[in-house]
Amino acid sequence: MYLDSAKKQEIFGQYGKGTTDTGSAESQIALFSFRIAHLTEHMKQNRKDHSTERALTTMVGKRRALLNYLKRCDINRYRAIVKALGLRK
């Protein structure tokens, strides 16, 4: 499996406040970004996989909503996570 619990803890430890910080916006955005990157590679090889394409679009929307929330509440945290993940916008 591409995303096991050890990988999740590594992501949460790197972008969240700790390895058990699974609910902060930064850790959720980082997890969505990892999953989006994985599904994007899958879509490059399987162009006709429409269910995965829909899931990818939904996930991008969820990440965008979290980024908008973070931008609205704390612009410094928003800028830090965008820079750390290398996202456009």
N, C-alpha and C. Protein backbone atom coordinates (compact mmCIF):
# COMPACT_ATOMS: atom_id res chain seq x y z
N MET A 1 0.84 -1.19 0.00
CA MET A 1 0.00 0.00 0.00
C MET A 1 0.89 1.25 0.00
N TYR A 2 0.48 2.24 -0.72
CA TYR A 2 1.32 3.42 -0.89
C TYR A 2 1.31 4.33 0.33
N LEU A 3 0.29 4.25 1.17
CA LEU A 3 0.17 5.15 2.33
C LEU A 3 -0.12 4.32 3.57
N ASP A 4 0.92 3.91 4.27
CA ASP A 4 0.74 3.15 5.50
C ASP A 4 0.82 4.10 6.69
N SER A 5 0.61 3.57 7.87
CA SER A 5 0.55 4.41 9.07
C SER A 5 1.90 5.08 9.35
N ALA A 6 3.00 4.42 9.02
CA ALA A 6 4.31 5.02 9.25
C ALA A 6 4.50 6.26 8.36
N LYS A 7 4.04 6.19 7.12
CA LYS A 7 4.16 7.32 6.21
C LYS A 7 3.27 8.47 6.69
N LYS A 8 2.06 8.14 7.18
CA LYS A 8 1.16 9.18 7.71
C LYS A 8 1.80 9.87 8.91
N GLN A 9 2.38 9.10 9.82
CA GLN A 9 3.02 9.70 10.99
C GLN A 9 4.19 10.59 10.58
N GLU A 10 4.91 10.19 9.54
CA GLU A 10 6.01 11.02 9.05
C GLU A 10 5.48 12.35 8.50
N ILE A 11 4.39 12.30 7.75
CA ILE A 11 3.79 13.52 7.19
C ILE A 11 3.28 14.42 8.31
N PHE A 12 2.56 13.82 9.28
CA PHE A 12 2.03 14.61 10.39
C PHE A 12 3.14 15.19 11.25
N GLY A 13 4.22 14.44 11.43
CA GLY A 13 5.35 14.94 12.21
C GLY A 13 6.07 16.09 11.52
N GLN A 14 6.14 16.02 10.19
CA GLN A 14 6.87 17.04 9.44
C GLN A 14 6.07 18.33 9.32
N TYR A 15 4.77 18.23 9.05
CA TYR A 15 3.97 19.42 8.78
C TYR A 15 3.04 19.82 9.91
N GLY A 16 2.73 18.90 10.83
CA GLY A 16 1.86 19.23 11.94
C GLY A 16 2.67 19.61 13.16
N LYS A 17 2.00 19.61 14.30
CA LYS A 17 2.68 19.94 15.55
C LYS A 17 3.36 18.73 16.18
N GLY A 18 3.01 17.54 15.72
CA GLY A 18 3.61 16.31 16.22
C GLY A 18 3.07 15.13 15.44
N THR A 19 3.52 13.92 15.77
CA THR A 19 3.08 12.76 15.01
C THR A 19 1.62 12.40 15.27
N THR A 20 1.07 12.88 16.39
CA THR A 20 -0.33 12.58 16.68
C THR A 20 -1.25 13.73 16.29
N ASP A 21 -0.71 14.79 15.70
CA ASP A 21 -1.51 15.95 15.29
C ASP A 21 -2.12 15.67 13.91
N THR A 22 -3.26 15.00 13.91
CA THR A 22 -3.87 14.61 12.65
C THR A 22 -4.96 15.57 12.20
N GLY A 23 -5.33 16.53 13.04
CA GLY A 23 -6.47 17.36 12.72
C GLY A 23 -6.16 18.77 12.29
N SER A 24 -4.92 19.21 12.43
CA SER A 24 -4.62 20.58 12.06
C SER A 24 -4.71 20.74 10.54
N ALA A 25 -4.98 21.96 10.12
CA ALA A 25 -5.15 22.22 8.69
C ALA A 25 -3.87 21.92 7.92
N GLU A 26 -2.72 22.26 8.49
CA GLU A 26 -1.46 22.01 7.79
C GLU A 26 -1.22 20.53 7.54
N SER A 27 -1.48 19.70 8.54
CA SER A 27 -1.24 18.27 8.38
C SER A 27 -2.23 17.67 7.39
N GLN A 28 -3.48 18.13 7.41
CA GLN A 28 -4.46 17.63 6.45
C GLN A 28 -4.11 18.05 5.02
N ILE A 29 -3.66 19.28 4.85
CA ILE A 29 -3.26 19.76 3.53
C ILE A 29 -2.07 18.95 3.01
N ALA A 30 -1.12 18.67 3.88
CA ALA A 30 0.06 17.88 3.47
C ALA A 30 -0.35 16.46 3.08
N LEU A 31 -1.28 15.87 3.84
CA LEU A 31 -1.75 14.52 3.51
C LEU A 31 -2.49 14.51 2.18
N PHE A 32 -3.36 15.51 1.97
CA PHE A 32 -4.06 15.61 0.69
C PHE A 32 -3.06 15.78 -0.45
N SER A 33 -2.03 16.58 -0.25
CA SER A 33 -1.04 16.81 -1.30
C SER A 33 -0.31 15.53 -1.67
N PHE A 34 0.02 14.72 -0.66
CA PHE A 34 0.68 13.43 -0.92
C PHE A 34 -0.23 12.52 -1.73
N ARG A 35 -1.50 12.44 -1.33
CA ARG A 35 -2.45 11.59 -2.03
C ARG A 35 -2.73 12.09 -3.44
N ILE A 36 -2.80 13.41 -3.61
CA ILE A 36 -3.03 14.00 -4.94
C ILE A 36 -1.87 13.68 -5.87
N ALA A 37 -0.65 13.78 -5.36
CA ALA A 37 0.53 13.46 -6.18
C ALA A 37 0.50 11.99 -6.62
N HIS A 38 0.09 11.11 -5.72
CA HIS A 38 0.02 9.68 -6.05
C HIS A 38 -1.05 9.43 -7.11
N LEU A 39 -2.22 10.02 -6.94
CA LEU A 39 -3.29 9.81 -7.92
C LEU A 39 -2.98 10.47 -9.26
N THR A 40 -2.23 11.56 -9.26
CA THR A 40 -1.85 12.20 -10.51
C THR A 40 -0.95 11.27 -11.33
N GLU A 41 -0.02 10.61 -10.66
CA GLU A 41 0.84 9.65 -11.36
C GLU A 41 0.01 8.48 -11.91
N HIS A 42 -0.97 8.04 -11.14
CA HIS A 42 -1.86 6.95 -11.59
C HIS A 42 -2.64 7.40 -12.83
N MET A 43 -3.11 8.65 -12.83
CA MET A 43 -3.91 9.14 -13.95
C MET A 43 -3.08 9.32 -15.21
N LYS A 44 -1.78 9.57 -15.06
CA LYS A 44 -0.93 9.69 -16.24
C LYS A 44 -0.84 8.36 -16.99
N GLN A 45 -0.91 7.26 -16.26
CA GLN A 45 -0.82 5.94 -16.88
C GLN A 45 -2.18 5.38 -17.27
N ASN A 46 -3.23 5.78 -16.57
CA ASN A 46 -4.57 5.24 -16.80
C ASN A 46 -5.54 6.38 -17.09
N ARG A 47 -5.51 6.86 -18.31
CA ARG A 47 -6.28 8.05 -18.66
C ARG A 47 -7.79 7.82 -18.62
N LYS A 48 -8.24 6.59 -18.81
CA LYS A 48 -9.68 6.33 -18.88
C LYS A 48 -10.29 5.92 -17.55
N ASP A 49 -9.56 6.04 -16.49
CA ASP A 49 -10.05 5.68 -15.15
C ASP A 49 -10.85 6.86 -14.59
N HIS A 50 -12.13 6.89 -14.91
CA HIS A 50 -12.95 8.04 -14.57
C HIS A 50 -13.28 8.13 -13.08
N SER A 51 -13.38 7.00 -12.40
CA SER A 51 -13.69 7.05 -10.97
C SER A 51 -12.52 7.65 -10.18
N THR A 52 -11.30 7.33 -10.58
CA THR A 52 -10.14 7.91 -9.93
C THR A 52 -10.02 9.39 -10.28
N GLU A 53 -10.39 9.75 -11.49
CA GLU A 53 -10.36 11.15 -11.88
C GLU A 53 -11.34 11.98 -11.04
N ARG A 54 -12.50 11.41 -10.78
CA ARG A 54 -13.47 12.10 -9.94
C ARG A 54 -12.97 12.23 -8.50
N ALA A 55 -12.37 11.17 -7.99
CA ALA A 55 -11.81 11.21 -6.63
C ALA A 55 -10.69 12.24 -6.54
N LEU A 56 -9.87 12.33 -7.56
CA LEU A 56 -8.78 13.30 -7.60
C LEU A 56 -9.34 14.73 -7.60
N THR A 57 -10.35 14.98 -8.40
CA THR A 57 -10.97 16.30 -8.45
C THR A 57 -11.58 16.67 -7.11
N THR A 58 -12.23 15.72 -6.46
CA THR A 58 -12.82 15.96 -5.14
C THR A 58 -11.74 16.28 -4.11
N MET A 59 -10.65 15.55 -4.17
CA MET A 59 -9.56 15.77 -3.22
C MET A 59 -8.90 17.14 -3.41
N VAL A 60 -8.74 17.55 -4.66
CA VAL A 60 -8.18 18.87 -4.93
C VAL A 60 -9.11 19.95 -4.37
N GLY A 61 -10.42 19.74 -4.49
CA GLY A 61 -11.38 20.69 -3.96
C GLY A 61 -11.32 20.78 -2.44
N LYS A 62 -11.16 19.63 -1.79
CA LYS A 62 -11.06 19.62 -0.33
C LYS A 62 -9.79 20.34 0.13
N ARG A 63 -8.69 20.11 -0.58
CA ARG A 63 -7.44 20.79 -0.22
C ARG A 63 -7.58 22.30 -0.43
N ARG A 64 -8.24 22.68 -1.52
CA ARG A 64 -8.45 24.10 -1.79
C ARG A 64 -9.30 24.75 -0.69
N ALA A 65 -10.32 24.03 -0.22
CA ALA A 65 -11.18 24.56 0.84
C ALA A 65 -10.38 24.75 2.13
N LEU A 66 -9.52 23.79 2.46
CA LEU A 66 -8.68 23.93 3.65
C LEU A 66 -7.70 25.09 3.50
N LEU A 67 -7.14 25.25 2.30
CA LEU A 67 -6.23 26.36 2.07
C LEU A 67 -6.95 27.71 2.19
N ASN A 68 -8.18 27.77 1.67
CA ASN A 68 -8.96 29.01 1.80
C ASN A 68 -9.26 29.31 3.26
N TYR A 69 -9.59 28.28 4.03
CA TYR A 69 -9.85 28.46 5.46
C TYR A 69 -8.61 29.00 6.16
N LEU A 70 -7.47 28.39 5.87
CA LEU A 70 -6.23 28.81 6.51
C LEU A 70 -5.85 30.23 6.10
N LYS A 71 -6.07 30.58 4.85
CA LYS A 71 -5.78 31.94 4.37
C LYS A 71 -6.67 32.96 5.08
N ARG A 72 -7.93 32.59 5.30
CA ARG A 72 -8.87 33.48 5.96
C ARG A 72 -8.55 33.66 7.44
N CYS A 73 -8.11 32.60 8.10
CA CYS A 73 -7.88 32.64 9.55
C CYS A 73 -6.48 33.12 9.93
N ASP A 74 -5.46 32.59 9.26
CA ASP A 74 -4.08 32.93 9.64
C ASP A 74 -3.20 32.93 8.38
N ILE A 75 -2.96 34.11 7.84
CA ILE A 75 -2.24 34.24 6.57
C ILE A 75 -0.80 33.76 6.68
N ASN A 76 -0.17 33.89 7.85
CA ASN A 76 1.22 33.45 7.99
C ASN A 76 1.33 31.93 7.91
N ARG A 77 0.41 31.21 8.55
CA ARG A 77 0.41 29.74 8.45
C ARG A 77 0.13 29.30 7.02
N TYR A 78 -0.76 30.02 6.33
CA TYR A 78 -1.08 29.72 4.93
C TYR A 78 0.17 29.86 4.05
N ARG A 79 0.87 30.97 4.20
CA ARG A 79 2.07 31.20 3.40
C ARG A 79 3.14 30.17 3.69
N ALA A 80 3.25 29.77 4.95
CA ALA A 80 4.28 28.79 5.34
C ALA A 80 3.99 27.42 4.71
N ILE A 81 2.73 26.97 4.74
CA ILE A 81 2.41 25.64 4.20
C ILE A 81 2.50 25.64 2.67
N VAL A 82 2.09 26.73 2.04
CA VAL A 82 2.20 26.81 0.57
C VAL A 82 3.66 26.76 0.15
N LYS A 83 4.52 27.46 0.90
CA LYS A 83 5.94 27.46 0.57
C LYS A 83 6.57 26.09 0.86
N ALA A 84 6.18 25.46 1.97
CA ALA A 84 6.77 24.17 2.33
C ALA A 84 6.38 23.08 1.33
N LEU A 85 5.16 23.11 0.84
CA LEU A 85 4.70 22.08 -0.10
C LEU A 85 4.96 22.44 -1.55
N GLY A 86 5.31 23.70 -1.80
CA GLY A 86 5.57 24.12 -3.17
C GLY A 86 4.32 24.20 -4.03
N LEU A 87 3.22 24.65 -3.42
CA LEU A 87 1.96 24.75 -4.14
C LEU A 87 1.88 26.08 -4.88
N ARG A 88 1.13 26.11 -5.96
CA ARG A 88 0.91 27.36 -6.68
C ARG A 88 -0.27 28.09 -6.05
N LYS A 89 -0.31 29.40 -6.25
CA LYS A 89 -1.43 30.26 -5.87
C LYS A 89 -0.95 31.49 -5.20
